[in-house]
């Protein structure tokens, strides 16, 4: 039961920390600012973007800003790296919950097996004079299995919930990142078109067509 107690404490700590993390991230979300960043990027008003996002901690905004800052080199790669960092932060601790989902029942079964072995050992020494020795021993042994399942079930629910939150956040970052890529490519194409239609002044002795 002592290892199971340690597992329960660790599980409770991870679940509470992740719950607090997602509540904090929800308060930092600012979809309106994300739309403003995309609108300003379309007009190439990057200085205005810098002023608007100063102090903001929205994870989508951070990904977009990373791409904007490195737009001259590789906007897509910069956003991918930033998104990976954000997802790593969002999935922190989930490996612990995933491990506890499997470990807790296994520890419970181990406790049950050792308890049954002990009960039968007592039966061998006392004989059948007191059958309660076996029934009480088996009942106590099954407690560890029940405890392991009680720990594993909340861990499984929490793991799936937090994993789903991370996947939803990844989808948001991908959607807005793709929008910024489209805006950046459109701006680049527009600059190329403007350059191709620029008419050079005619030289001496030359006439415009």
Protein backbone atom coordinates (compact mmCIF):
# COMPACT_ATOMS: atom_id res chain seq x y z
CA UNK A 1 0.00 0.00 0.00
CA UNK A 2 2.91 2.39 0.55
CA UNK A 3 3.89 2.43 -3.15
CA UNK A 4 0.23 2.97 -4.02
CA UNK A 5 0.05 5.84 -1.58
CA UNK A 6 3.07 7.44 -3.27
CA UNK A 7 1.41 6.93 -6.67
CA UNK A 8 -1.77 8.60 -5.46
CA UNK A 9 0.14 11.63 -4.15
CA UNK A 10 2.09 11.98 -7.41
CA UNK A 11 -1.09 11.60 -9.48
CA UNK A 12 -2.92 14.22 -7.44
CA UNK A 13 0.00 16.66 -7.73
CA UNK A 14 0.26 16.24 -11.52
CA UNK A 15 -3.49 16.56 -12.09
CA UNK A 16 -3.73 19.70 -9.97
CA UNK A 17 -0.69 21.26 -11.66
CA UNK A 18 -2.05 20.53 -15.15
CA UNK A 19 -5.51 21.80 -14.24
CA UNK A 20 -4.02 25.04 -12.96
CA UNK A 21 -1.88 25.28 -16.10
CA UNK A 22 -4.88 25.06 -18.44
CA UNK A 23 -6.94 27.48 -16.39
CA UNK A 24 -4.07 29.97 -16.61
CA UNK A 25 -3.68 29.42 -20.36
CA UNK A 26 -7.42 29.96 -20.86
CA UNK A 27 -7.20 33.34 -19.14
CA UNK A 28 -4.30 34.31 -21.41
CA UNK A 29 -6.09 33.48 -24.66
CA UNK A 30 -6.95 36.49 -26.80
CA UNK A 31 -8.51 35.46 -30.14
CA UNK A 32 -9.28 39.07 -31.00
CA UNK A 33 -5.58 39.98 -30.77
CA UNK A 34 -4.71 37.00 -32.99
CA UNK A 35 -7.04 38.30 -35.67
CA UNK A 36 -5.52 41.78 -35.30
CA UNK A 37 -2.02 40.36 -35.76
CA UNK A 38 -3.05 38.63 -38.98
CA UNK A 39 -4.77 41.79 -40.24
CA UNK A 40 -1.74 43.96 -39.48
CA UNK A 41 0.61 41.39 -41.02
CA UNK A 42 -1.43 41.52 -44.21
CA UNK A 43 -0.78 45.27 -44.32
CA UNK A 44 2.85 44.66 -43.27
CA UNK A 45 2.53 46.92 -40.24
CA UNK A 46 5.06 44.98 -38.18
CA UNK A 47 5.92 47.83 -35.83
CA UNK A 48 2.25 48.12 -34.93
CA UNK A 49 2.20 44.36 -34.24
CA UNK A 50 5.17 44.69 -31.92
CA UNK A 51 3.37 47.34 -29.90
CA UNK A 52 0.09 45.43 -29.77
CA UNK A 53 1.54 42.11 -28.56
CA UNK A 54 3.90 43.55 -25.97
CA UNK A 55 3.34 41.71 -22.69
CA UNK A 56 0.83 39.26 -24.19
CA UNK A 57 1.30 35.56 -23.31
CA UNK A 58 -1.22 33.89 -25.61
CA UNK A 59 0.45 30.75 -27.02
CA UNK A 60 -1.00 31.33 -30.51
CA UNK A 61 0.32 34.89 -30.53
CA UNK A 62 3.76 33.66 -29.46
CA UNK A 63 3.86 31.23 -32.37
CA UNK A 64 2.81 33.89 -34.87
CA UNK A 65 5.31 36.41 -33.53
CA UNK A 66 8.09 33.85 -33.83
CA UNK A 67 7.25 33.45 -37.51
CA UNK A 68 7.01 37.21 -38.09
CA UNK A 69 10.38 37.83 -36.46
CA UNK A 70 12.03 35.27 -38.77
CA UNK A 71 9.95 36.03 -41.90
CA UNK A 72 13.04 37.04 -43.86
CA UNK A 73 14.60 33.60 -43.40
CA UNK A 74 12.03 30.87 -42.77
CA UNK A 75 8.66 31.89 -41.36
CA UNK A 76 7.28 28.33 -41.45
CA UNK A 77 10.23 26.69 -39.72
CA UNK A 78 10.26 29.34 -36.99
CA UNK A 79 6.57 28.76 -36.26
CA UNK A 80 7.04 24.98 -36.24
CA UNK A 81 9.81 25.25 -33.64
CA UNK A 82 7.75 27.64 -31.52
CA UNK A 83 4.71 25.34 -31.74
CA UNK A 84 6.80 22.35 -30.67
CA UNK A 85 8.01 24.28 -27.64
CA UNK A 86 4.43 25.19 -26.73
CA UNK A 87 3.24 21.59 -27.12
CA UNK A 88 6.13 20.32 -25.02
CA UNK A 89 5.03 22.72 -22.31
CA UNK A 90 1.40 21.60 -22.62
CA UNK A 91 2.23 17.89 -22.45
CA UNK A 92 4.54 18.19 -19.46
CA UNK A 93 3.60 15.63 -16.82
CA UNK A 94 1.36 13.56 -19.09
CA UNK A 95 3.97 10.81 -19.30
CA UNK A 96 3.67 10.48 -15.52
CA UNK A 97 -0.11 10.05 -15.72
CA UNK A 98 0.28 7.57 -18.56
CA UNK A 99 2.73 5.55 -16.47
CA UNK A 100 0.50 5.60 -13.40
CA UNK A 101 -2.45 4.29 -15.42
CA UNK A 102 -0.50 1.08 -15.94
CA UNK A 103 1.65 1.03 -12.82
CA UNK A 104 -1.07 1.45 -10.18
CA UNK A 105 -3.16 -1.62 -11.14
CA UNK A 106 0.00 -3.69 -11.52
CA UNK A 107 1.12 -2.71 -8.03
CA UNK A 108 -2.37 -3.56 -6.76
CA UNK A 109 -2.26 -6.99 -8.36
CA UNK A 110 1.22 -7.54 -6.93
CA UNK A 111 -0.07 -6.67 -3.48
CA UNK A 112 -2.98 -9.08 -3.93
CA UNK A 113 -0.72 -11.91 -5.03
CA UNK A 114 1.68 -11.46 -2.12
CA UNK A 115 -1.28 -11.18 0.27
CA UNK A 116 -2.78 -14.44 -0.99
CA UNK A 117 0.59 -16.15 -0.68
CA UNK A 118 0.79 -14.97 2.91
CA UNK A 119 -2.77 -16.13 3.61
CA UNK A 120 -2.10 -19.61 2.29
CA UNK A 121 1.14 -19.71 4.22
CA UNK A 122 -0.83 -19.01 7.42
CA UNK A 123 -3.33 -21.68 6.40
CA UNK A 124 -0.52 -24.17 6.08
CA UNK A 125 0.75 -23.47 9.56
CA UNK A 126 -2.64 -23.32 11.31
CA UNK A 127 -4.47 -25.95 9.26
CA UNK A 128 -8.24 -25.75 8.78
CA UNK A 129 -8.98 -25.06 12.41
CA UNK A 130 -9.70 -21.39 11.67
CA UNK A 131 -10.84 -20.77 8.04
CA UNK A 132 -11.21 -17.07 8.80
CA UNK A 133 -7.44 -16.81 8.56
CA UNK A 134 -7.70 -17.39 4.81
CA UNK A 135 -10.83 -15.31 4.16
CA UNK A 136 -9.57 -12.32 6.12
CA UNK A 137 -6.15 -12.54 4.47
CA UNK A 138 -7.64 -12.71 0.96
CA UNK A 139 -9.98 -9.79 1.70
CA UNK A 140 -7.07 -7.67 2.88
CA UNK A 141 -5.05 -8.68 -0.19
CA UNK A 142 -7.81 -7.56 -2.57
CA UNK A 143 -7.74 -4.07 -1.08
CA UNK A 144 -4.53 -3.32 -2.96
CA UNK A 145 -6.14 -4.21 -6.30
CA UNK A 146 -9.08 -1.93 -5.53
CA UNK A 147 -6.71 0.85 -4.48
CA UNK A 148 -4.71 0.48 -7.69
CA UNK A 149 -7.87 0.78 -9.80
CA UNK A 150 -9.08 3.80 -7.80
CA UNK A 151 -5.79 5.55 -8.61
CA UNK A 152 -5.64 4.45 -12.27
CA UNK A 153 -9.16 5.51 -13.28
CA UNK A 154 -8.81 9.25 -12.45
CA UNK A 155 -5.35 9.22 -14.03
CA UNK A 156 -6.79 7.76 -17.24
CA UNK A 157 -9.59 10.34 -17.40
CA UNK A 158 -7.20 13.22 -16.65
CA UNK A 159 -4.62 11.98 -19.18
CA UNK A 160 -7.19 11.79 -21.98
CA UNK A 161 -8.62 15.20 -21.07
CA UNK A 162 -5.27 16.99 -20.97
CA UNK A 163 -4.10 15.21 -24.12
CA UNK A 164 -7.23 16.39 -25.88
CA UNK A 165 -6.59 19.97 -24.71
CA UNK A 166 -3.07 19.81 -26.14
CA UNK A 167 -4.36 18.46 -29.47
CA UNK A 168 -6.94 21.25 -29.66
CA UNK A 169 -4.25 23.84 -28.97
CA UNK A 170 -2.04 22.26 -31.65
CA UNK A 171 -4.91 22.57 -34.13
CA UNK A 172 -5.35 26.25 -33.28
CA UNK A 173 -1.65 26.97 -33.72
CA UNK A 174 -1.61 25.12 -37.03
CA UNK A 175 -4.70 26.94 -38.33
CA UNK A 176 -3.47 30.43 -37.48
CA UNK A 177 0.07 29.57 -38.56
CA UNK A 178 -1.21 28.50 -41.97
CA UNK A 179 -3.17 31.76 -42.21
CA UNK A 180 0.00 33.74 -41.52
CA UNK A 181 1.88 31.74 -44.17
CA UNK A 182 -0.81 32.59 -46.72
CA UNK A 183 -0.63 36.27 -45.77
CA UNK A 184 3.16 36.26 -46.06
CA UNK A 185 3.11 34.55 -49.46
CA UNK A 186 0.45 36.96 -50.70
CA UNK A 187 2.54 39.93 -49.61
CA UNK A 188 5.63 38.48 -51.29
CA UNK A 189 3.72 37.86 -54.52
CA UNK A 190 2.34 41.39 -54.45
CA UNK A 191 5.84 42.86 -54.08
CA UNK A 192 7.05 40.76 -57.00
CA UNK A 193 4.12 41.89 -59.15
CA UNK A 194 4.72 45.53 -58.26
CA UNK A 195 8.38 45.19 -59.21
CA UNK A 196 7.56 43.52 -62.53
CA UNK A 197 5.13 46.27 -63.51
CA UNK A 198 7.45 49.11 -62.60
CA UNK A 199 8.33 51.10 -65.74
CA UNK A 200 11.86 52.38 -65.99
CA UNK A 201 12.28 55.91 -67.38
CA UNK A 202 13.37 55.85 -71.05
CA UNK A 203 16.95 56.62 -71.88
CA UNK A 204 18.09 59.34 -74.25
CA UNK A 205 16.91 58.66 -77.76
CA UNK A 206 14.49 55.99 -76.66
CA UNK A 207 10.74 56.11 -76.87
CA UNK A 208 8.15 54.49 -74.69
CA UNK A 209 6.30 51.71 -76.50
